[in-house]
Amino acid sequence: MPPAARRSALARLSAVVVLALGLVLAAPATASAHTGLRATEPAADSTVTTTPQAVTLTFTASVLGGDVTVTGPDGTPVGAGAVAHDGAVLTAPVVLTAAGRHTVTWSAVAADGHPLDGTFTFEHAPATPMSTTPLPTSPSPTTASPTPPSPTTAVPTPSPAPESPADPGTDPASASSDADGLPGWVLPGVGAVVLLAVAALTVRGRRRRRG
């Protein structure tokens, strides 16, 4: 083989080896670049005025699975169940019990086996403040309610009958006699009889002394 042809063959072989080596080295980086977190709900660094029931992560390509942890303002986990996986979406149910900044820490595995992870936060600011005051308990059905005292019925006191005025034509003596049970004419009549008897005896005595 002429020297010129030999050099041309070596150059082509070297180019093929370099190209193959470049493809091998670039394959993981290409797969990793094509799989990443595309969107979240709630969005990163956002403020929500409603209370979400779940935190959702959507990737640019399907993932093999992952994990999502959500913590409240005091660092307490607020997850309410297992993380659901559907293709390129991870869904973590939550129960938010307080207002403030919540932190989402996540990890996933890309389709080529490359690990992915990250962290973002969102602010929970409900329009109506969340109250922790316990509701008043209803009274026990066995507790008897106090019976109000029954009003006392007032008995009316009979008023004295008005005295009838005395008859102006009635003689006081007759009134007093009537009160004693005797007729009014008895006493005057007896007095008159006594006086007549005394007068008769006096006259009779004088005649005897003259005779």
N, C-alpha and C. Protein backbone atom coordinates (compact mmCIF):
# COMPACT_ATOMS: atom_id res chain seq x y z
N MET A 1 0.87 -1.20 0.00
CA MET A 1 0.00 0.00 0.00
C MET A 1 0.89 1.23 0.00
N PRO A 2 0.58 2.16 -0.87
CA PRO A 2 1.39 3.37 -0.91
C PRO A 2 1.29 4.13 0.41
N PRO A 3 2.31 4.86 0.77
CA PRO A 3 2.29 5.61 2.05
C PRO A 3 1.13 6.60 2.13
N ALA A 4 0.76 7.22 1.04
CA ALA A 4 -0.35 8.18 1.08
C ALA A 4 -1.65 7.50 1.42
N ALA A 5 -1.90 6.33 0.82
CA ALA A 5 -3.14 5.58 1.10
C ALA A 5 -3.16 5.10 2.53
N ARG A 6 -1.94 4.70 3.04
CA ARG A 6 -1.88 4.22 4.43
C ARG A 6 -2.22 5.35 5.39
N ARG A 7 -1.73 6.53 5.16
CA ARG A 7 -2.02 7.68 6.05
C ARG A 7 -3.50 8.04 6.01
N SER A 8 -4.12 7.94 4.85
CA SER A 8 -5.55 8.27 4.73
C SER A 8 -6.41 7.27 5.50
N ALA A 9 -6.01 5.97 5.44
CA ALA A 9 -6.77 4.95 6.16
C ALA A 9 -6.64 5.13 7.66
N LEU A 10 -5.45 5.47 8.15
CA LEU A 10 -5.25 5.71 9.58
C LEU A 10 -6.06 6.92 10.06
N ALA A 11 -6.12 7.95 9.21
CA ALA A 11 -6.87 9.15 9.60
C ALA A 11 -8.35 8.84 9.73
N ARG A 12 -8.88 8.01 8.79
CA ARG A 12 -10.30 7.67 8.87
C ARG A 12 -10.58 6.82 10.11
N LEU A 13 -9.67 5.88 10.40
CA LEU A 13 -9.86 5.04 11.57
C LEU A 13 -9.83 5.85 12.87
N SER A 14 -8.94 6.78 12.95
CA SER A 14 -8.85 7.64 14.13
C SER A 14 -10.12 8.47 14.30
N ALA A 15 -10.68 8.96 13.20
CA ALA A 15 -11.91 9.76 13.29
C ALA A 15 -13.08 8.92 13.79
N VAL A 16 -13.14 7.66 13.34
CA VAL A 16 -14.23 6.78 13.80
C VAL A 16 -14.11 6.49 15.29
N VAL A 17 -12.86 6.24 15.75
CA VAL A 17 -12.64 5.95 17.18
C VAL A 17 -13.01 7.15 18.05
N VAL A 18 -12.60 8.33 17.61
CA VAL A 18 -12.92 9.55 18.39
C VAL A 18 -14.42 9.79 18.44
N LEU A 19 -15.12 9.56 17.32
CA LEU A 19 -16.55 9.77 17.28
C LEU A 19 -17.28 8.79 18.20
N ALA A 20 -16.85 7.51 18.17
CA ALA A 20 -17.48 6.51 19.03
C ALA A 20 -17.25 6.82 20.49
N LEU A 21 -16.01 7.22 20.81
CA LEU A 21 -15.71 7.57 22.21
C LEU A 21 -16.54 8.78 22.66
N GLY A 22 -16.72 9.74 21.79
CA GLY A 22 -17.53 10.92 22.15
C GLY A 22 -18.97 10.57 22.39
N LEU A 23 -19.52 9.65 21.58
CA LEU A 23 -20.91 9.25 21.79
C LEU A 23 -21.10 8.52 23.12
N VAL A 24 -20.13 7.68 23.48
CA VAL A 24 -20.22 6.95 24.75
C VAL A 24 -20.18 7.90 25.93
N LEU A 25 -19.28 8.89 25.90
CA LEU A 25 -19.15 9.84 27.00
C LEU A 25 -20.33 10.80 27.09
N ALA A 26 -20.94 11.12 25.96
CA ALA A 26 -22.01 12.10 25.95
C ALA A 26 -23.38 11.51 26.21
N ALA A 27 -23.52 10.16 26.17
CA ALA A 27 -24.83 9.53 26.31
C ALA A 27 -25.47 9.81 27.67
N PRO A 28 -24.80 9.60 28.83
CA PRO A 28 -25.44 9.89 30.12
C PRO A 28 -25.80 11.37 30.28
N ALA A 29 -24.89 12.25 29.83
CA ALA A 29 -25.18 13.67 29.95
C ALA A 29 -26.37 14.06 29.11
N THR A 30 -26.53 13.44 27.91
CA THR A 30 -27.66 13.75 27.06
C THR A 30 -28.96 13.28 27.69
N ALA A 31 -28.96 12.07 28.27
CA ALA A 31 -30.16 11.54 28.92
C ALA A 31 -30.56 12.40 30.10
N SER A 32 -29.53 12.81 30.89
CA SER A 32 -29.81 13.65 32.05
C SER A 32 -30.34 15.00 31.62
N ALA A 33 -29.84 15.55 30.56
CA ALA A 33 -30.28 16.87 30.10
C ALA A 33 -31.70 16.81 29.60
N HIS A 34 -32.16 15.69 29.08
CA HIS A 34 -33.50 15.58 28.53
C HIS A 34 -34.55 15.25 29.60
N THR A 35 -34.17 14.88 30.82
CA THR A 35 -35.12 14.57 31.89
C THR A 35 -34.89 15.53 33.05
N GLY A 36 -35.90 16.28 33.36
CA GLY A 36 -35.79 17.24 34.46
C GLY A 36 -37.18 17.66 34.93
N LEU A 37 -37.21 18.45 35.99
CA LEU A 37 -38.48 18.92 36.54
C LEU A 37 -38.99 20.07 35.69
N ARG A 38 -40.20 19.90 35.14
CA ARG A 38 -40.74 20.92 34.26
C ARG A 38 -41.66 21.90 34.99
N ALA A 39 -42.53 21.41 35.90
CA ALA A 39 -43.47 22.28 36.59
C ALA A 39 -43.89 21.65 37.91
N THR A 40 -44.36 22.47 38.83
CA THR A 40 -44.88 22.00 40.11
C THR A 40 -46.19 22.72 40.43
N GLU A 41 -46.97 22.08 41.26
CA GLU A 41 -48.23 22.68 41.73
C GLU A 41 -48.37 22.37 43.23
N PRO A 42 -48.28 23.39 44.09
CA PRO A 42 -48.09 24.82 43.83
C PRO A 42 -46.74 25.12 43.19
N ALA A 43 -46.69 26.23 42.48
CA ALA A 43 -45.45 26.60 41.81
C ALA A 43 -44.40 27.01 42.82
N ALA A 44 -43.14 26.80 42.45
CA ALA A 44 -42.03 27.17 43.33
C ALA A 44 -42.04 28.66 43.61
N ASP A 45 -41.81 29.04 44.88
CA ASP A 45 -41.73 30.44 45.33
C ASP A 45 -43.05 31.19 45.13
N SER A 46 -44.18 30.47 45.06
CA SER A 46 -45.47 31.13 44.89
C SER A 46 -46.18 31.25 46.24
N THR A 47 -47.26 32.01 46.26
CA THR A 47 -48.11 32.15 47.45
C THR A 47 -49.51 31.71 47.08
N VAL A 48 -50.04 30.73 47.81
CA VAL A 48 -51.38 30.20 47.54
C VAL A 48 -52.32 30.65 48.66
N THR A 49 -53.51 31.12 48.28
CA THR A 49 -54.50 31.56 49.26
C THR A 49 -55.54 30.49 49.55
N THR A 50 -55.56 29.43 48.72
CA THR A 50 -56.42 28.29 48.99
C THR A 50 -55.58 27.19 49.65
N THR A 51 -56.22 26.16 50.14
CA THR A 51 -55.51 25.06 50.79
C THR A 51 -55.42 23.89 49.83
N PRO A 52 -54.24 23.63 49.25
CA PRO A 52 -54.11 22.52 48.30
C PRO A 52 -54.24 21.17 49.01
N GLN A 53 -54.76 20.20 48.26
CA GLN A 53 -54.91 18.85 48.79
C GLN A 53 -53.73 17.95 48.44
N ALA A 54 -52.86 18.41 47.51
CA ALA A 54 -51.71 17.61 47.09
C ALA A 54 -50.65 18.52 46.48
N VAL A 55 -49.42 18.03 46.46
CA VAL A 55 -48.32 18.69 45.77
C VAL A 55 -47.96 17.82 44.56
N THR A 56 -47.94 18.42 43.35
CA THR A 56 -47.72 17.67 42.12
C THR A 56 -46.43 18.12 41.45
N LEU A 57 -45.61 17.17 41.01
CA LEU A 57 -44.36 17.43 40.28
C LEU A 57 -44.49 16.80 38.89
N THR A 58 -44.24 17.58 37.85
CA THR A 58 -44.31 17.09 36.48
C THR A 58 -42.93 17.22 35.83
N PHE A 59 -42.41 16.11 35.29
CA PHE A 59 -41.07 16.09 34.68
C PHE A 59 -41.18 16.18 33.16
N THR A 60 -40.05 16.43 32.53
CA THR A 60 -40.01 16.57 31.07
C THR A 60 -40.07 15.23 30.35
N ALA A 61 -39.83 14.15 31.08
CA ALA A 61 -39.91 12.81 30.51
C ALA A 61 -40.35 11.85 31.62
N SER A 62 -40.74 10.66 31.22
CA SER A 62 -41.19 9.67 32.20
C SER A 62 -40.07 9.33 33.17
N VAL A 63 -40.46 9.10 34.41
CA VAL A 63 -39.50 8.70 35.43
C VAL A 63 -39.91 7.33 35.94
N LEU A 64 -38.94 6.63 36.57
CA LEU A 64 -39.21 5.29 37.08
C LEU A 64 -39.90 5.31 38.44
N GLY A 65 -39.93 6.45 39.07
CA GLY A 65 -40.54 6.57 40.40
C GLY A 65 -39.86 7.70 41.15
N GLY A 66 -40.30 7.93 42.38
CA GLY A 66 -39.68 9.00 43.16
C GLY A 66 -40.32 9.14 44.52
N ASP A 67 -39.87 10.14 45.27
CA ASP A 67 -40.37 10.40 46.61
C ASP A 67 -40.51 11.91 46.80
N VAL A 68 -41.54 12.32 47.52
CA VAL A 68 -41.81 13.73 47.77
C VAL A 68 -42.13 13.90 49.26
N THR A 69 -41.44 14.82 49.92
CA THR A 69 -41.68 15.12 51.34
C THR A 69 -42.01 16.60 51.47
N VAL A 70 -43.14 16.91 52.14
CA VAL A 70 -43.58 18.29 52.35
C VAL A 70 -43.60 18.55 53.85
N THR A 71 -42.95 19.62 54.29
CA THR A 71 -42.92 19.99 55.71
C THR A 71 -43.52 21.38 55.89
N GLY A 72 -44.17 21.60 57.05
CA GLY A 72 -44.80 22.87 57.36
C GLY A 72 -43.81 23.89 57.89
N PRO A 73 -44.32 25.06 58.34
CA PRO A 73 -43.43 26.12 58.82
C PRO A 73 -42.58 25.70 60.01
N ASP A 74 -43.08 24.76 60.84
CA ASP A 74 -42.32 24.32 62.01
C ASP A 74 -41.48 23.08 61.74
N GLY A 75 -41.41 22.66 60.47
CA GLY A 75 -40.60 21.50 60.11
C GLY A 75 -41.30 20.17 60.24
N THR A 76 -42.59 20.17 60.58
CA THR A 76 -43.34 18.93 60.74
C THR A 76 -43.87 18.45 59.40
N PRO A 77 -43.67 17.17 59.04
CA PRO A 77 -44.20 16.66 57.78
C PRO A 77 -45.73 16.77 57.74
N VAL A 78 -46.26 17.16 56.58
CA VAL A 78 -47.70 17.31 56.41
C VAL A 78 -48.24 16.36 55.34
N GLY A 79 -47.48 15.34 55.00
CA GLY A 79 -47.93 14.35 54.02
C GLY A 79 -49.12 13.57 54.55
N ALA A 80 -50.01 13.16 53.63
CA ALA A 80 -51.22 12.44 54.03
C ALA A 80 -51.35 11.09 53.34
N GLY A 81 -50.26 10.54 52.87
CA GLY A 81 -50.34 9.24 52.21
C GLY A 81 -49.15 9.01 51.30
N ALA A 82 -49.19 7.87 50.59
CA ALA A 82 -48.08 7.49 49.71
C ALA A 82 -48.08 8.36 48.45
N VAL A 83 -46.88 8.52 47.87
CA VAL A 83 -46.71 9.31 46.65
C VAL A 83 -47.17 8.48 45.45
N ALA A 84 -48.05 9.07 44.62
CA ALA A 84 -48.54 8.38 43.44
C ALA A 84 -47.65 8.71 42.24
N HIS A 85 -47.38 7.69 41.40
CA HIS A 85 -46.51 7.84 40.22
C HIS A 85 -47.31 7.49 38.98
N ASP A 86 -47.32 8.41 38.01
CA ASP A 86 -48.01 8.17 36.75
C ASP A 86 -47.17 8.76 35.62
N GLY A 87 -46.27 7.94 35.00
CA GLY A 87 -45.43 8.40 33.90
C GLY A 87 -44.46 9.47 34.35
N ALA A 88 -44.69 10.70 33.92
CA ALA A 88 -43.80 11.81 34.26
C ALA A 88 -44.33 12.65 35.42
N VAL A 89 -45.34 12.15 36.17
CA VAL A 89 -45.98 12.94 37.23
C VAL A 89 -45.88 12.20 38.56
N LEU A 90 -45.48 12.94 39.59
CA LEU A 90 -45.49 12.45 40.96
C LEU A 90 -46.48 13.32 41.75
N THR A 91 -47.37 12.67 42.53
CA THR A 91 -48.39 13.39 43.30
C THR A 91 -48.30 12.96 44.76
N ALA A 92 -48.14 13.96 45.65
CA ALA A 92 -48.03 13.69 47.09
C ALA A 92 -49.21 14.34 47.80
N PRO A 93 -50.15 13.55 48.36
CA PRO A 93 -51.28 14.15 49.10
C PRO A 93 -50.78 14.80 50.40
N VAL A 94 -51.37 15.94 50.75
CA VAL A 94 -50.95 16.68 51.95
C VAL A 94 -52.18 17.20 52.69
N VAL A 95 -51.98 17.52 53.97
CA VAL A 95 -52.97 18.20 54.79
C VAL A 95 -52.27 19.37 55.46
N LEU A 96 -52.53 20.57 54.96
CA LEU A 96 -51.89 21.76 55.51
C LEU A 96 -52.68 22.25 56.71
N THR A 97 -52.01 22.35 57.86
CA THR A 97 -52.68 22.72 59.11
C THR A 97 -52.29 24.11 59.60
N ALA A 98 -51.37 24.78 58.90
CA ALA A 98 -50.93 26.10 59.36
C ALA A 98 -50.54 26.95 58.17
N ALA A 99 -50.63 28.26 58.37
CA ALA A 99 -50.17 29.18 57.34
C ALA A 99 -48.68 29.40 57.48
N GLY A 100 -48.03 29.73 56.35
CA GLY A 100 -46.59 29.98 56.39
C GLY A 100 -45.87 29.28 55.25
N ARG A 101 -44.52 29.29 55.35
CA ARG A 101 -43.68 28.73 54.28
C ARG A 101 -43.59 27.22 54.42
N HIS A 102 -43.87 26.51 53.30
CA HIS A 102 -43.78 25.05 53.25
C HIS A 102 -42.64 24.66 52.31
N THR A 103 -41.93 23.63 52.69
CA THR A 103 -40.76 23.17 51.93
C THR A 103 -41.04 21.81 51.31
N VAL A 104 -40.73 21.68 50.00
CA VAL A 104 -40.92 20.42 49.27
C VAL A 104 -39.54 19.87 48.89
N THR A 105 -39.25 18.68 49.37
CA THR A 105 -37.99 18.00 49.02
C THR A 105 -38.34 16.77 48.21
N TRP A 106 -37.75 16.63 47.00
CA TRP A 106 -38.14 15.54 46.13
C TRP A 106 -36.92 14.84 45.55
N SER A 107 -37.17 13.61 45.12
CA SER A 107 -36.14 12.83 44.40
C SER A 107 -36.87 11.92 43.42
N ALA A 108 -36.20 11.61 42.29
CA ALA A 108 -36.79 10.76 41.26
C ALA A 108 -35.68 10.03 40.52
N VAL A 109 -36.07 9.03 39.72
CA VAL A 109 -35.12 8.26 38.92
C VAL A 109 -35.54 8.36 37.46
N ALA A 110 -34.67 8.88 36.60
CA ALA A 110 -34.98 9.02 35.18
C ALA A 110 -35.09 7.65 34.51
N ALA A 111 -35.62 7.64 33.30
CA ALA A 111 -35.81 6.38 32.59
C ALA A 111 -34.50 5.65 32.34
N ASP A 112 -33.35 6.39 32.22
CA ASP A 112 -32.06 5.75 31.98
C ASP A 112 -31.37 5.39 33.28
N GLY A 113 -32.07 5.57 34.45
CA GLY A 113 -31.49 5.23 35.74
C GLY A 113 -30.76 6.37 36.42
N HIS A 114 -30.72 7.53 35.78
CA HIS A 114 -30.00 8.66 36.36
C HIS A 114 -30.84 9.26 37.50
N PRO A 115 -30.25 9.48 38.70
CA PRO A 115 -31.01 10.04 39.82
C PRO A 115 -31.24 11.55 39.66
N LEU A 116 -32.38 12.01 40.08
CA LEU A 116 -32.73 13.42 40.07
C LEU A 116 -33.21 13.81 41.47
N ASP A 117 -32.99 15.05 41.87
CA ASP A 117 -33.48 15.51 43.18
C ASP A 117 -33.51 17.03 43.18
N GLY A 118 -34.19 17.58 44.15
CA GLY A 118 -34.28 19.03 44.26
C GLY A 118 -35.16 19.45 45.43
N THR A 119 -35.24 20.76 45.65
CA THR A 119 -36.03 21.34 46.74
C THR A 119 -36.62 22.67 46.27
N PHE A 120 -37.86 22.93 46.66
CA PHE A 120 -38.44 24.25 46.41
C PHE A 120 -39.42 24.56 47.55
N THR A 121 -39.85 25.81 47.64
CA THR A 121 -40.77 26.24 48.70
C THR A 121 -41.95 26.99 48.11
N PHE A 122 -43.02 27.05 48.88
CA PHE A 122 -44.17 27.89 48.54
C PHE A 122 -44.78 28.41 49.84
N GLU A 123 -45.48 29.52 49.73
CA GLU A 123 -46.09 30.17 50.90
C GLU A 123 -47.58 29.85 50.93
N HIS A 124 -48.06 29.41 52.10
CA HIS A 124 -49.49 29.14 52.29
C HIS A 124 -50.08 30.29 53.10
N ALA A 125 -50.96 31.08 52.47
CA ALA A 125 -51.58 32.24 53.12
C ALA A 125 -53.08 32.20 52.86
N PRO A 126 -53.83 31.37 53.62
CA PRO A 126 -55.27 31.26 53.39
C PRO A 126 -55.97 32.58 53.67
N ALA A 127 -57.05 32.85 52.90
CA ALA A 127 -57.80 34.09 53.07
C ALA A 127 -58.44 34.15 54.44
N THR A 128 -58.95 33.02 54.94
CA THR A 128 -59.53 32.94 56.28
C THR A 128 -58.53 32.30 57.20
N PRO A 129 -58.11 32.99 58.28
CA PRO A 129 -57.12 32.39 59.19
C PRO A 129 -57.62 31.07 59.75
N MET A 130 -56.69 30.10 59.85
CA MET A 130 -57.05 28.79 60.36
C MET A 130 -57.11 28.86 61.88
N SER A 131 -58.26 28.45 62.44
CA SER A 131 -58.48 28.53 63.89
C SER A 131 -58.25 27.17 64.51
N THR A 132 -57.59 27.18 65.70
CA THR A 132 -57.35 25.95 66.45
C THR A 132 -58.20 25.88 67.70
N THR A 133 -59.19 26.82 67.85
CA THR A 133 -60.05 26.82 69.04
C THR A 133 -61.03 25.66 68.95
N PRO A 134 -61.10 24.80 70.00
CA PRO A 134 -62.04 23.67 69.95
C PRO A 134 -63.47 24.14 69.98
N LEU A 135 -64.32 23.39 69.31
CA LEU A 135 -65.74 23.73 69.28
C LEU A 135 -66.37 23.41 70.62
N PRO A 136 -67.39 24.23 71.03
CA PRO A 136 -68.03 23.94 72.32
C PRO A 136 -68.78 22.62 72.26
N THR A 137 -68.66 21.85 73.34
CA THR A 137 -69.33 20.56 73.41
C THR A 137 -70.76 20.74 73.87
N SER A 138 -71.65 19.91 73.32
CA SER A 138 -73.06 19.98 73.70
C SER A 138 -73.25 19.32 75.05
N PRO A 139 -74.22 19.79 75.86
CA PRO A 139 -74.43 19.19 77.17
C PRO A 139 -74.88 17.76 77.06
N SER A 140 -74.53 16.95 78.09
CA SER A 140 -74.90 15.55 78.11
C SER A 140 -76.40 15.39 78.14
N PRO A 141 -76.97 14.42 77.38
CA PRO A 141 -78.43 14.26 77.38
C PRO A 141 -78.98 13.84 78.72
N THR A 142 -78.11 13.25 79.61
CA THR A 142 -78.60 12.80 80.91
C THR A 142 -78.68 13.92 81.91
N THR A 143 -78.11 15.07 81.58
CA THR A 143 -78.13 16.18 82.52
C THR A 143 -79.49 16.86 82.48
N ALA A 144 -80.14 16.89 83.64
CA ALA A 144 -81.47 17.50 83.71
C ALA A 144 -81.33 19.00 83.82
N SER A 145 -82.12 19.69 83.04
CA SER A 145 -82.09 21.14 83.09
C SER A 145 -82.89 21.61 84.29
N PRO A 146 -82.43 22.68 84.95
CA PRO A 146 -83.15 23.16 86.14
C PRO A 146 -84.56 23.60 85.78
N THR A 147 -85.52 23.19 86.69
CA THR A 147 -86.93 23.55 86.48
C THR A 147 -87.19 24.91 87.08
N PRO A 148 -87.69 25.85 86.29
CA PRO A 148 -87.94 27.18 86.84
C PRO A 148 -89.01 27.13 87.90
N PRO A 149 -88.87 27.91 88.96
CA PRO A 149 -89.89 27.89 90.03
C PRO A 149 -91.23 28.35 89.50
N SER A 150 -92.29 27.61 89.96
CA SER A 150 -93.64 27.98 89.52
C SER A 150 -94.11 29.19 90.28
N PRO A 151 -94.77 30.12 89.63
CA PRO A 151 -95.23 31.33 90.32
C PRO A 151 -96.32 31.00 91.33
N THR A 152 -96.28 31.66 92.48
CA THR A 152 -97.28 31.45 93.53
C THR A 152 -98.54 32.24 93.19
N THR A 153 -99.68 31.53 93.23
CA THR A 153 -100.95 32.18 92.90
C THR A 153 -101.44 32.97 94.10
N ALA A 154 -101.62 34.24 93.93
CA ALA A 154 -102.06 35.10 95.03
C ALA A 154 -103.56 34.93 95.24
N VAL A 155 -103.93 34.65 96.53
CA VAL A 155 -105.34 34.49 96.87
C VAL A 155 -105.91 35.86 97.20
N PRO A 156 -106.92 36.32 96.52
CA PRO A 156 -107.46 37.67 96.81
C PRO A 156 -108.11 37.71 98.18
N THR A 157 -107.83 38.77 98.93
CA THR A 157 -108.41 38.97 100.27
C THR A 157 -109.73 39.70 100.12
N PRO A 158 -110.82 39.11 100.67
CA PRO A 158 -112.13 39.79 100.52
C PRO A 158 -112.13 41.10 101.28
N SER A 159 -112.58 42.14 100.63
CA SER A 159 -112.65 43.45 101.27
C SER A 159 -113.91 43.54 102.11
N PRO A 160 -113.85 44.21 103.29
CA PRO A 160 -115.04 44.29 104.16
C PRO A 160 -116.19 45.01 103.45
N ALA A 161 -117.40 44.50 103.75
CA ALA A 161 -118.59 45.09 103.12
C ALA A 161 -118.83 46.48 103.70
N PRO A 162 -119.15 47.43 102.91
CA PRO A 162 -119.37 48.79 103.42
C PRO A 162 -120.60 48.84 104.32
N GLU A 163 -120.42 49.57 105.43
CA GLU A 163 -121.53 49.71 106.37
C GLU A 163 -122.61 50.59 105.76
N SER A 164 -123.85 50.13 105.92
CA SER A 164 -124.97 50.92 105.41
C SER A 164 -125.23 52.08 106.35
N PRO A 165 -125.40 53.26 105.87
CA PRO A 165 -125.63 54.42 106.73
C PRO A 165 -126.94 54.29 107.49
N ALA A 166 -126.90 54.80 108.73
CA ALA A 166 -128.10 54.74 109.57
C ALA A 166 -129.20 55.62 109.00
N ASP A 167 -130.41 55.13 109.15
CA ASP A 167 -131.56 55.88 108.66
C ASP A 167 -131.72 57.14 109.48
N PRO A 168 -131.66 58.33 108.83
CA PRO A 168 -131.75 59.57 109.61
C PRO A 168 -133.06 59.70 110.36
N GLY A 169 -134.11 58.99 109.93
CA GLY A 169 -135.38 59.13 110.64
C GLY A 169 -135.54 58.19 111.82
N THR A 170 -134.56 57.36 112.11
CA THR A 170 -134.69 56.38 113.19
C THR A 170 -134.32 57.02 114.50
N ASP A 171 -135.12 56.83 115.54
CA ASP A 171 -134.86 57.39 116.87
C ASP A 171 -133.72 56.66 117.51
N PRO A 172 -132.76 57.37 118.16
CA PRO A 172 -131.63 56.69 118.79
C PRO A 172 -132.08 55.72 119.84
N ALA A 173 -133.11 56.09 120.63
CA ALA A 173 -133.57 55.18 121.67
C ALA A 173 -134.13 53.92 121.08
N SER A 174 -134.89 54.11 119.98
CA SER A 174 -135.44 52.94 119.31
C SER A 174 -134.33 52.08 118.76
N ALA A 175 -133.26 52.73 118.23
CA ALA A 175 -132.15 51.96 117.70
C ALA A 175 -131.48 51.17 118.79
N SER A 176 -131.30 51.82 119.99
CA SER A 176 -130.66 51.10 121.09
C SER A 176 -131.56 50.01 121.61
N SER A 177 -132.89 50.27 121.63
CA SER A 177 -133.81 49.25 122.11
C SER A 177 -133.82 48.08 121.16
N ASP A 178 -133.82 48.41 119.90
CA ASP A 178 -133.78 47.33 118.92
C ASP A 178 -132.52 46.51 119.07
N ALA A 179 -131.43 47.20 119.44
CA ALA A 179 -130.18 46.46 119.61
C ALA A 179 -130.28 45.53 120.79
N ASP A 180 -131.09 45.92 121.86
CA ASP A 180 -131.23 45.05 123.04
C ASP A 180 -132.31 44.01 122.89
N GLY A 181 -133.09 44.05 121.85
CA GLY A 181 -134.13 43.06 121.61
C GLY A 181 -135.51 43.48 122.12
N LEU A 182 -135.73 44.77 122.65
CA LEU A 182 -137.04 45.24 123.14
C LEU A 182 -137.61 46.28 122.21
N PRO A 183 -138.90 46.35 122.09
CA PRO A 183 -139.50 47.41 121.28
C PRO A 183 -139.23 48.76 121.92
N GLY A 184 -139.24 49.79 121.12
CA GLY A 184 -138.92 51.13 121.61
C GLY A 184 -139.98 51.72 122.54
N TRP A 185 -141.24 51.28 122.49
CA TRP A 185 -142.31 51.88 123.31
C TRP A 185 -142.47 51.26 124.67
N VAL A 186 -141.79 50.19 125.00
CA VAL A 186 -142.00 49.48 126.28
C VAL A 186 -141.59 50.32 127.46
N LEU A 187 -140.38 50.87 127.44
CA LEU A 187 -139.88 51.63 128.59
C LEU A 187 -140.72 52.88 128.87
N PRO A 188 -141.05 53.70 127.86
CA PRO A 188 -141.91 54.84 128.16
C PRO A 188 -143.27 54.44 128.72
N GLY A 189 -143.86 53.36 128.22
CA GLY A 189 -145.16 52.91 128.71
C GLY A 189 -145.11 52.49 130.18
N VAL A 190 -144.06 51.76 130.54
CA VAL A 190 -143.90 51.32 131.93
C VAL A 190 -143.76 52.52 132.85
N GLY A 191 -143.00 53.51 132.40
CA GLY A 191 -142.80 54.72 133.22
C GLY A 191 -144.11 55.45 133.46
N ALA A 192 -144.93 55.52 132.42
CA ALA A 192 -146.21 56.22 132.56
C ALA A 192 -147.11 55.51 133.55
N VAL A 193 -147.16 54.16 133.49
CA VAL A 193 -147.99 53.37 134.41
C VAL A 193 -147.54 53.58 135.84
N VAL A 194 -146.20 53.62 136.05
CA VAL A 194 -145.68 53.81 137.42
C VAL A 194 -146.10 55.17 137.94
N LEU A 195 -145.98 56.21 137.11
CA LEU A 195 -146.35 57.55 137.55
C LEU A 195 -147.84 57.63 137.90
N LEU A 196 -148.71 57.02 137.10
CA LEU A 196 -150.14 57.02 137.37
C LEU A 196 -150.45 56.31 138.68
N ALA A 197 -149.75 55.20 138.92
CA ALA A 197 -149.99 54.45 140.18
C ALA A 197 -149.59 55.27 141.38
N VAL A 198 -148.46 55.94 141.29
CA VAL A 198 -147.99 56.76 142.41
C VAL A 198 -148.96 57.91 142.66
N ALA A 199 -149.44 58.53 141.54
CA ALA A 199 -150.38 59.65 141.71
C ALA A 199 -151.68 59.19 142.36
N ALA A 200 -152.18 57.99 141.97
CA ALA A 200 -153.41 57.46 142.53
C ALA A 200 -153.26 57.15 144.01
N LEU A 201 -152.16 56.59 144.41
CA LEU A 201 -151.91 56.28 145.81
C LEU A 201 -151.82 57.55 146.61
N THR A 202 -151.23 58.59 146.06
CA THR A 202 -151.09 59.86 146.80
C THR A 202 -152.45 60.49 147.04
N VAL A 203 -153.31 60.53 146.02
CA VAL A 203 -154.63 61.11 146.15
C VAL A 203 -155.47 60.32 147.15
N ARG A 204 -155.36 59.03 147.10
CA ARG A 204 -156.11 58.16 147.99
C ARG A 204 -155.72 58.38 149.45
N GLY A 205 -154.46 58.57 149.66
CA GLY A 205 -153.97 58.79 151.02
C GLY A 205 -154.45 60.10 151.59
N ARG A 206 -154.51 61.13 150.77
CA ARG A 206 -154.99 62.44 151.23
C ARG A 206 -156.47 62.37 151.61
N ARG A 207 -157.29 61.66 150.86
CA ARG A 207 -158.70 61.54 151.17
C ARG A 207 -158.91 60.84 152.50
N ARG A 208 -158.10 59.84 152.77
CA ARG A 208 -158.28 59.14 154.04
C ARG A 208 -157.94 60.05 155.20
N ARG A 209 -156.95 60.86 155.11
CA ARG A 209 -156.59 61.74 156.22
C ARG A 209 -157.65 62.79 156.43
N ARG A 210 -158.36 63.22 155.38
CA ARG A 210 -159.42 64.22 155.53
C ARG A 210 -160.66 63.62 156.16
N GLY A 211 -160.99 62.35 155.89
CA GLY A 211 -162.20 61.75 156.41
C GLY A 211 -162.03 61.37 157.84
